[in-house]
N, C-alpha and C. Protein backbone atom coordinates (compact mmCIF):
# COMPACT_ATOMS: atom_id res chain seq x y z
N MET A 1 110.05 124.25 -17.00
CA MET A 1 110.18 123.00 -16.28
C MET A 1 110.08 123.12 -14.81
N ARG A 2 109.65 122.28 -14.07
CA ARG A 2 109.54 122.26 -12.60
C ARG A 2 110.05 121.07 -12.04
N PHE A 3 110.74 121.30 -11.07
CA PHE A 3 111.19 120.06 -9.97
C PHE A 3 110.67 120.36 -8.78
N LEU A 4 109.81 119.40 -8.31
CA LEU A 4 109.53 119.46 -6.72
C LEU A 4 110.38 118.51 -6.05
N ILE A 5 111.22 119.06 -5.15
CA ILE A 5 112.19 118.23 -4.64
C ILE A 5 112.03 118.11 -3.22
N GLN A 6 112.11 116.65 -2.70
CA GLN A 6 111.75 116.36 -1.17
C GLN A 6 113.11 115.57 -0.85
N ARG A 7 113.62 116.22 0.19
CA ARG A 7 114.64 115.49 0.99
C ARG A 7 114.17 114.47 1.75
N VAL A 8 114.59 113.16 1.29
CA VAL A 8 113.93 112.03 1.95
C VAL A 8 114.79 111.03 2.77
N LYS A 9 114.33 110.40 3.61
CA LYS A 9 115.23 109.34 4.26
C LYS A 9 114.98 107.93 3.47
N GLU A 10 113.92 107.84 3.00
CA GLU A 10 113.75 106.82 1.97
C GLU A 10 112.42 107.17 1.20
N ALA A 11 112.28 106.42 -0.11
CA ALA A 11 111.31 106.80 -0.90
C ALA A 11 111.24 105.58 -1.87
N SER A 12 109.98 105.36 -2.22
CA SER A 12 109.73 104.22 -3.28
C SER A 12 108.52 104.45 -4.19
N VAL A 13 108.53 103.96 -5.25
CA VAL A 13 107.24 103.93 -6.17
C VAL A 13 106.88 102.60 -6.58
N THR A 14 105.64 102.23 -6.51
CA THR A 14 105.12 101.09 -6.88
C THR A 14 104.10 101.08 -8.03
N ILE A 15 104.20 100.33 -9.04
CA ILE A 15 103.39 100.21 -10.09
C ILE A 15 102.74 98.71 -10.28
N ASP A 16 101.53 98.81 -10.25
CA ASP A 16 100.80 97.33 -10.33
C ASP A 16 101.30 96.51 -9.27
N SER A 17 101.33 96.94 -8.03
CA SER A 17 101.72 96.13 -6.77
C SER A 17 103.15 95.59 -6.72
N GLU A 18 104.07 96.27 -7.71
CA GLU A 18 105.38 95.86 -7.72
C GLU A 18 106.32 97.28 -7.38
N VAL A 19 107.27 97.16 -6.72
CA VAL A 19 108.21 98.11 -6.41
C VAL A 19 108.98 98.37 -7.60
N ALA A 20 108.90 99.61 -8.30
CA ALA A 20 109.54 99.90 -9.56
C ALA A 20 110.82 100.54 -9.27
N GLY A 21 110.81 101.23 -8.13
CA GLY A 21 112.09 102.02 -7.83
C GLY A 21 112.14 102.32 -6.23
N ALA A 22 113.29 102.48 -5.76
CA ALA A 22 113.49 102.87 -4.22
C ALA A 22 114.90 103.48 -3.96
N ILE A 23 114.72 104.27 -2.93
CA ILE A 23 116.09 104.88 -2.59
C ILE A 23 116.02 104.75 -1.11
N ASP A 24 117.25 104.79 -0.48
CA ASP A 24 117.42 104.80 1.00
C ASP A 24 117.51 106.41 1.49
N GLY A 25 118.08 107.11 0.75
CA GLY A 25 118.23 108.63 1.19
C GLY A 25 118.62 109.42 -0.06
N GLY A 26 118.18 110.66 -0.02
CA GLY A 26 118.37 111.66 -1.15
C GLY A 26 117.19 112.46 -1.45
N PHE A 27 117.00 112.68 -2.67
CA PHE A 27 115.78 113.44 -3.14
C PHE A 27 114.85 112.60 -3.99
N LEU A 28 113.63 112.91 -3.64
CA LEU A 28 112.36 112.31 -4.57
C LEU A 28 112.17 113.68 -5.15
N VAL A 29 112.26 113.58 -6.53
CA VAL A 29 112.03 114.57 -7.44
C VAL A 29 110.73 114.28 -8.42
N PHE A 30 109.82 115.06 -8.33
CA PHE A 30 108.77 115.16 -9.26
C PHE A 30 109.07 116.15 -10.22
N VAL A 31 108.99 115.81 -11.62
CA VAL A 31 109.49 116.52 -12.80
C VAL A 31 108.23 116.90 -13.57
N GLY A 32 107.97 118.09 -13.83
CA GLY A 32 106.86 118.58 -14.71
C GLY A 32 107.51 119.27 -15.85
N ILE A 33 107.17 118.94 -17.07
CA ILE A 33 107.59 119.44 -18.17
C ILE A 33 106.68 120.28 -19.16
N CYS A 34 106.83 121.52 -19.44
CA CYS A 34 105.91 122.29 -20.24
C CYS A 34 106.47 122.51 -21.63
N ASP A 35 105.38 122.99 -22.35
CA ASP A 35 105.73 123.39 -23.85
C ASP A 35 106.89 124.40 -23.71
N GLY A 36 107.85 124.01 -24.73
CA GLY A 36 108.99 125.04 -24.84
C GLY A 36 110.31 124.55 -24.12
N ASP A 37 110.18 123.54 -23.26
CA ASP A 37 111.16 123.13 -22.47
C ASP A 37 112.05 122.35 -23.35
N ASP A 38 113.30 122.28 -23.13
CA ASP A 38 114.22 121.47 -23.80
C ASP A 38 115.50 121.00 -23.09
N GLU A 39 116.45 120.28 -23.68
CA GLU A 39 117.47 119.79 -23.11
C GLU A 39 118.42 120.72 -22.31
N LYS A 40 118.52 122.02 -23.03
CA LYS A 40 119.18 123.00 -22.33
C LYS A 40 118.67 123.42 -21.09
N THR A 41 117.30 123.47 -20.90
CA THR A 41 116.61 123.83 -19.65
C THR A 41 116.84 122.74 -18.66
N ALA A 42 116.71 121.36 -19.14
CA ALA A 42 116.98 120.26 -18.22
C ALA A 42 118.23 120.28 -17.59
N ASP A 43 119.32 120.60 -18.32
CA ASP A 43 120.55 120.64 -17.90
C ASP A 43 120.91 121.66 -16.84
N LYS A 44 120.16 122.73 -16.95
CA LYS A 44 120.31 123.85 -16.10
C LYS A 44 119.46 123.44 -14.64
N MET A 45 118.27 122.75 -15.01
CA MET A 45 117.71 122.28 -13.60
C MET A 45 118.57 121.19 -12.89
N ILE A 46 118.99 120.21 -13.75
CA ILE A 46 119.72 119.32 -12.95
C ILE A 46 120.88 119.93 -12.22
N LYS A 47 121.63 120.67 -12.85
CA LYS A 47 122.84 121.46 -12.31
C LYS A 47 122.31 122.06 -10.93
N LYS A 48 121.31 122.99 -11.10
CA LYS A 48 120.79 123.55 -9.99
C LYS A 48 120.40 122.59 -8.71
N MET A 49 119.61 121.54 -9.18
CA MET A 49 119.08 120.49 -8.18
C MET A 49 120.42 119.82 -7.48
N SER A 50 121.27 119.50 -8.39
CA SER A 50 122.58 118.95 -7.69
C SER A 50 123.34 119.62 -6.74
N GLY A 51 123.31 120.99 -6.95
CA GLY A 51 124.06 121.90 -6.13
C GLY A 51 123.33 122.30 -4.77
N LEU A 52 122.04 122.02 -4.85
CA LEU A 52 121.33 122.51 -3.53
C LEU A 52 122.00 121.93 -2.37
N ARG A 53 122.40 123.06 -1.52
CA ARG A 53 122.94 122.53 -0.15
C ARG A 53 121.78 122.41 0.93
N ILE A 54 121.18 121.35 1.03
CA ILE A 54 119.99 121.22 1.87
C ILE A 54 120.10 119.99 2.58
N PHE A 55 121.36 119.42 2.89
CA PHE A 55 121.74 118.50 3.89
C PHE A 55 122.46 119.07 4.96
N SER A 56 122.34 118.55 6.12
CA SER A 56 123.11 118.98 7.37
C SER A 56 124.55 118.59 7.32
N ASP A 57 125.42 119.52 7.84
CA ASP A 57 126.70 119.16 8.08
C ASP A 57 126.84 118.71 9.46
N GLU A 58 128.08 118.57 9.86
CA GLU A 58 128.41 118.09 11.34
C GLU A 58 127.92 119.26 12.35
N ALA A 59 127.75 120.42 11.77
CA ALA A 59 127.17 121.34 12.91
C ALA A 59 125.89 121.55 12.81
N GLY A 60 125.07 120.84 11.93
CA GLY A 60 123.57 121.01 11.76
C GLY A 60 123.18 122.11 10.95
N LYS A 61 124.11 122.66 10.19
CA LYS A 61 123.67 123.61 9.16
C LYS A 61 123.50 123.00 7.74
N THR A 62 122.65 123.53 7.08
CA THR A 62 122.21 122.82 5.70
C THR A 62 123.42 123.34 4.79
N ASN A 63 124.30 122.72 4.63
CA ASN A 63 125.56 123.29 3.87
C ASN A 63 125.99 122.14 2.93
N LEU A 64 125.42 120.88 2.92
CA LEU A 64 125.91 119.90 1.96
C LEU A 64 124.88 119.51 0.81
N SER A 65 125.49 119.26 -0.29
CA SER A 65 124.70 118.85 -1.55
C SER A 65 124.31 117.24 -1.63
N LEU A 66 123.66 116.99 -2.62
CA LEU A 66 123.43 115.56 -2.76
C LEU A 66 124.71 114.89 -3.06
N THR A 67 125.41 115.49 -3.81
CA THR A 67 126.90 114.93 -4.20
C THR A 67 127.67 114.57 -2.75
N ASP A 68 127.64 115.78 -1.98
CA ASP A 68 128.41 115.58 -0.62
C ASP A 68 127.98 114.54 0.20
N VAL A 69 126.68 114.10 0.16
CA VAL A 69 126.16 113.20 1.04
C VAL A 69 126.08 111.72 0.49
N GLY A 70 126.58 111.66 -0.90
CA GLY A 70 126.41 110.54 -1.59
C GLY A 70 124.78 109.99 -1.83
N GLY A 71 124.10 111.04 -1.95
CA GLY A 71 122.65 110.59 -2.07
C GLY A 71 122.01 109.92 -3.42
N SER A 72 120.83 109.47 -3.32
CA SER A 72 120.34 108.98 -4.51
C SER A 72 119.15 109.85 -4.98
N LEU A 73 118.64 109.54 -5.97
CA LEU A 73 117.42 110.09 -6.72
C LEU A 73 116.35 109.22 -7.06
N LEU A 74 115.21 109.45 -6.71
CA LEU A 74 113.97 108.72 -7.32
C LEU A 74 113.26 109.98 -8.00
N ILE A 75 113.22 109.77 -9.44
CA ILE A 75 112.68 110.74 -10.18
C ILE A 75 111.43 110.20 -10.85
N ILE A 76 110.18 111.08 -10.52
CA ILE A 76 108.91 110.55 -11.03
C ILE A 76 108.44 111.83 -11.89
N SER A 77 107.77 111.29 -13.15
CA SER A 77 107.04 112.27 -14.07
C SER A 77 105.90 112.72 -13.40
N GLN A 78 105.53 114.18 -13.33
CA GLN A 78 104.53 114.67 -12.84
C GLN A 78 103.90 115.79 -13.68
N PHE A 79 103.12 115.47 -14.51
CA PHE A 79 102.57 116.65 -15.45
C PHE A 79 101.63 117.55 -14.68
N THR A 80 101.10 116.95 -13.58
CA THR A 80 100.21 117.90 -12.72
C THR A 80 100.88 118.93 -12.08
N LEU A 81 102.15 119.04 -12.14
CA LEU A 81 102.97 120.39 -11.69
C LEU A 81 102.58 121.62 -12.29
N TYR A 82 101.92 121.20 -13.62
CA TYR A 82 101.49 122.35 -14.35
C TYR A 82 99.92 122.58 -14.38
N ALA A 83 99.36 122.15 -13.15
CA ALA A 83 97.82 122.41 -13.06
C ALA A 83 97.61 123.80 -12.91
N ASP A 84 96.71 124.38 -13.76
CA ASP A 84 96.34 125.85 -13.69
C ASP A 84 94.90 125.78 -12.94
N CYS A 85 94.86 126.23 -11.82
CA CYS A 85 93.48 126.23 -11.01
C CYS A 85 92.95 127.53 -10.91
N LYS A 86 93.27 128.62 -11.80
CA LYS A 86 92.58 129.77 -11.67
C LYS A 86 91.31 130.04 -12.03
N LYS A 87 90.67 129.11 -12.98
CA LYS A 87 89.21 129.14 -13.21
C LYS A 87 88.61 127.93 -12.71
N GLY A 88 87.47 128.08 -11.96
CA GLY A 88 86.83 126.88 -11.63
C GLY A 88 87.49 126.03 -10.70
N ASN A 89 86.91 124.84 -10.44
CA ASN A 89 87.35 123.77 -9.61
C ASN A 89 88.20 122.65 -10.23
N ARG A 90 88.22 122.55 -11.50
CA ARG A 90 88.73 121.48 -12.37
C ARG A 90 90.00 122.08 -12.89
N PRO A 91 91.20 121.48 -12.39
CA PRO A 91 92.55 122.19 -12.95
C PRO A 91 92.72 121.72 -14.55
N SER A 92 93.24 122.75 -15.15
CA SER A 92 93.58 122.64 -16.50
C SER A 92 94.93 122.25 -16.55
N PHE A 93 95.53 121.37 -17.71
CA PHE A 93 96.89 121.05 -17.85
C PHE A 93 97.29 121.45 -19.17
N ILE A 94 96.95 122.49 -19.71
CA ILE A 94 97.22 123.05 -21.01
C ILE A 94 98.71 123.44 -21.16
N LYS A 95 99.16 123.86 -20.07
CA LYS A 95 100.63 124.19 -20.11
C LYS A 95 101.54 123.01 -20.15
N ALA A 96 101.10 121.86 -19.69
CA ALA A 96 102.04 120.71 -19.71
C ALA A 96 102.54 120.31 -21.11
N ALA A 97 103.57 119.96 -21.36
CA ALA A 97 104.21 119.50 -22.55
C ALA A 97 103.22 118.25 -23.17
N ALA A 98 103.22 118.17 -24.39
CA ALA A 98 102.56 116.95 -25.10
C ALA A 98 103.32 115.59 -24.80
N PRO A 99 102.56 114.69 -24.24
CA PRO A 99 103.10 113.33 -23.66
C PRO A 99 104.44 113.02 -24.46
N ASP A 100 104.56 112.90 -25.82
CA ASP A 100 105.68 112.45 -26.55
C ASP A 100 106.91 113.18 -26.25
N ARG A 101 106.75 114.49 -26.24
CA ARG A 101 107.89 115.44 -25.97
C ARG A 101 108.18 115.36 -24.44
N ALA A 102 107.37 115.33 -23.49
CA ALA A 102 107.67 115.07 -22.09
C ALA A 102 108.25 113.88 -21.81
N LYS A 103 107.79 112.79 -22.47
CA LYS A 103 108.60 111.56 -22.23
C LYS A 103 110.04 111.63 -22.83
N GLU A 104 110.22 112.30 -23.90
CA GLU A 104 111.55 112.35 -24.31
C GLU A 104 112.69 113.04 -23.27
N LEU A 105 112.09 114.25 -22.91
CA LEU A 105 112.76 115.10 -22.09
C LEU A 105 112.86 114.28 -20.50
N TYR A 106 111.92 113.67 -20.01
CA TYR A 106 112.00 112.91 -18.94
C TYR A 106 113.15 111.93 -19.02
N GLU A 107 113.15 111.16 -20.19
CA GLU A 107 114.22 110.07 -20.37
C GLU A 107 115.63 110.75 -20.46
N TYR A 108 115.67 111.96 -21.03
CA TYR A 108 116.97 112.68 -21.03
C TYR A 108 117.41 112.97 -19.66
N ILE A 109 116.54 113.61 -18.81
CA ILE A 109 116.85 113.86 -17.43
C ILE A 109 117.35 112.72 -16.60
N LEU A 110 116.74 111.57 -16.71
CA LEU A 110 117.11 110.20 -16.21
C LEU A 110 118.44 109.93 -16.69
N LYS A 111 118.79 110.03 -17.87
CA LYS A 111 120.09 109.57 -18.37
C LYS A 111 121.07 110.51 -18.09
N GLU A 112 120.84 111.75 -17.94
CA GLU A 112 121.87 112.76 -17.28
C GLU A 112 121.99 112.71 -15.85
N CYS A 113 121.07 112.37 -15.11
CA CYS A 113 121.07 112.27 -13.64
C CYS A 113 122.03 111.04 -13.21
N SER A 114 121.77 109.93 -14.11
CA SER A 114 122.26 108.70 -13.70
C SER A 114 123.96 108.74 -13.99
N LYS A 115 124.51 109.59 -14.64
CA LYS A 115 125.73 109.99 -14.95
C LYS A 115 126.38 110.19 -13.50
N SER A 116 125.71 110.87 -12.69
CA SER A 116 126.28 111.39 -11.40
C SER A 116 125.79 110.83 -10.23
N PHE A 117 124.53 110.11 -10.23
CA PHE A 117 123.89 109.71 -9.12
C PHE A 117 123.24 108.36 -9.33
N LYS A 118 123.13 107.60 -8.32
CA LYS A 118 122.18 106.42 -8.25
C LYS A 118 120.82 106.83 -8.41
N THR A 119 120.23 106.42 -9.57
CA THR A 119 118.92 107.12 -9.86
C THR A 119 117.92 106.04 -10.19
N GLN A 120 116.89 106.23 -9.56
CA GLN A 120 115.59 105.26 -9.74
C GLN A 120 114.46 105.99 -10.39
N THR A 121 113.56 105.32 -10.86
CA THR A 121 112.33 105.96 -11.42
C THR A 121 111.21 105.10 -11.34
N GLY A 122 110.00 105.76 -11.75
CA GLY A 122 108.83 105.05 -11.98
C GLY A 122 108.70 104.66 -13.45
N ARG A 123 107.47 104.85 -14.07
CA ARG A 123 107.25 104.71 -15.38
C ARG A 123 106.44 105.84 -15.86
N PHE A 124 106.88 106.53 -16.86
CA PHE A 124 106.14 107.52 -17.50
C PHE A 124 104.79 107.27 -17.77
N GLY A 125 103.74 107.99 -17.50
CA GLY A 125 102.55 107.97 -17.56
C GLY A 125 101.62 106.82 -16.87
N ALA A 126 102.30 106.25 -16.21
CA ALA A 126 101.82 104.99 -15.27
C ALA A 126 101.04 105.63 -14.02
N ASP A 127 100.01 104.76 -13.51
CA ASP A 127 99.30 104.89 -12.41
C ASP A 127 100.42 104.60 -11.14
N MET A 128 101.09 105.38 -10.45
CA MET A 128 102.08 104.98 -9.53
C MET A 128 101.69 105.57 -8.29
N LYS A 129 102.08 104.63 -7.25
CA LYS A 129 101.84 104.88 -5.71
C LYS A 129 103.27 105.32 -5.25
N VAL A 130 103.42 106.45 -4.64
CA VAL A 130 104.67 106.91 -4.08
C VAL A 130 104.67 107.14 -2.76
N SER A 131 105.69 106.57 -2.05
CA SER A 131 105.82 106.49 -0.57
C SER A 131 107.22 107.22 -0.23
N LEU A 132 107.02 107.83 0.88
CA LEU A 132 108.34 108.42 1.36
C LEU A 132 108.36 108.71 2.77
N ILE A 133 109.47 108.86 3.25
CA ILE A 133 109.60 109.55 4.59
C ILE A 133 110.50 110.64 4.35
N ASN A 134 109.71 111.83 4.44
CA ASN A 134 110.22 113.20 4.12
C ASN A 134 111.33 113.44 5.45
N ASP A 135 112.60 114.15 5.06
CA ASP A 135 113.40 114.42 5.92
C ASP A 135 113.39 115.75 6.10
N GLY A 136 112.96 116.21 7.33
CA GLY A 136 113.02 117.68 7.81
C GLY A 136 111.52 118.16 8.43
N PRO A 137 110.43 118.08 7.43
CA PRO A 137 110.33 118.03 6.08
C PRO A 137 111.20 119.05 5.33
N PHE A 138 111.62 118.74 4.26
CA PHE A 138 112.32 119.61 3.38
C PHE A 138 111.99 119.47 2.06
N THR A 139 111.09 120.56 1.59
CA THR A 139 110.49 120.31 0.17
C THR A 139 110.73 121.83 -0.53
N ILE A 140 111.31 121.62 -1.80
CA ILE A 140 111.76 122.78 -2.56
C ILE A 140 111.26 122.69 -3.92
N MET A 141 110.62 123.85 -4.42
CA MET A 141 110.15 123.95 -5.99
C MET A 141 111.21 124.76 -6.67
N LEU A 142 111.71 124.03 -7.64
CA LEU A 142 112.40 124.75 -8.77
C LEU A 142 111.65 125.05 -10.01
N ASP A 143 111.52 126.10 -10.39
CA ASP A 143 110.78 126.52 -11.64
C ASP A 143 111.81 127.11 -12.47
N ASP A 144 111.88 126.60 -13.63
CA ASP A 144 113.07 127.29 -14.61
C ASP A 144 112.54 128.78 -15.02
N LYS A 145 111.40 129.15 -14.94
CA LYS A 145 110.87 130.42 -15.25
C LYS A 145 111.44 131.57 -14.33
N GLU A 146 111.21 130.97 -13.02
CA GLU A 146 111.70 131.91 -11.87
C GLU A 146 113.17 131.90 -11.75
N LEU A 147 113.86 130.76 -11.99
CA LEU A 147 115.21 130.74 -12.00
C LEU A 147 116.16 131.36 -12.99
N PHE A 148 115.70 131.12 -14.29
CA PHE A 148 116.45 131.52 -15.46
C PHE A 148 115.90 132.40 -16.31
N GLY A 149 114.59 132.87 -16.01
CA GLY A 149 113.81 133.73 -16.98
C GLY A 149 113.03 132.75 -17.88
N VAL A 150 112.39 133.42 -18.89
CA VAL A 150 111.56 132.62 -19.93
C VAL A 150 112.46 131.71 -20.74
N SER A 151 112.30 130.36 -20.79
CA SER A 151 113.22 129.62 -21.43
C SER A 151 112.78 129.41 -22.93
């Protein structure tokens, strides 16, 4: 599982010319799910994301978490985080989870995040237009294989 996290001042997602989700500040999170990912992996990733201290305190040090600043989440499904570009110029997505399983885990992540944070989202599998004002810019990739070993 991969979370591409961007600290944002604001972010929104538009589907068919209508805003589906928007936040004023917090994290824009692109979620990629691969074969073998499960709820246990999702729980670990959510805990890690929630604890990231990447917001500035009064001294300008990145010491505060999303919880500390009362930030929101905009979570977007993004199977292309599992693009394999090793051969040729056309990416392969064979490592991405099958759509049914990916959607199930994506919805699980949304449900769990909604317990602690104001959470907005796009629509799984839709053609989405994402807009943001990156704060910093500050962008972090969390990969469960690197963080926790093979899941």
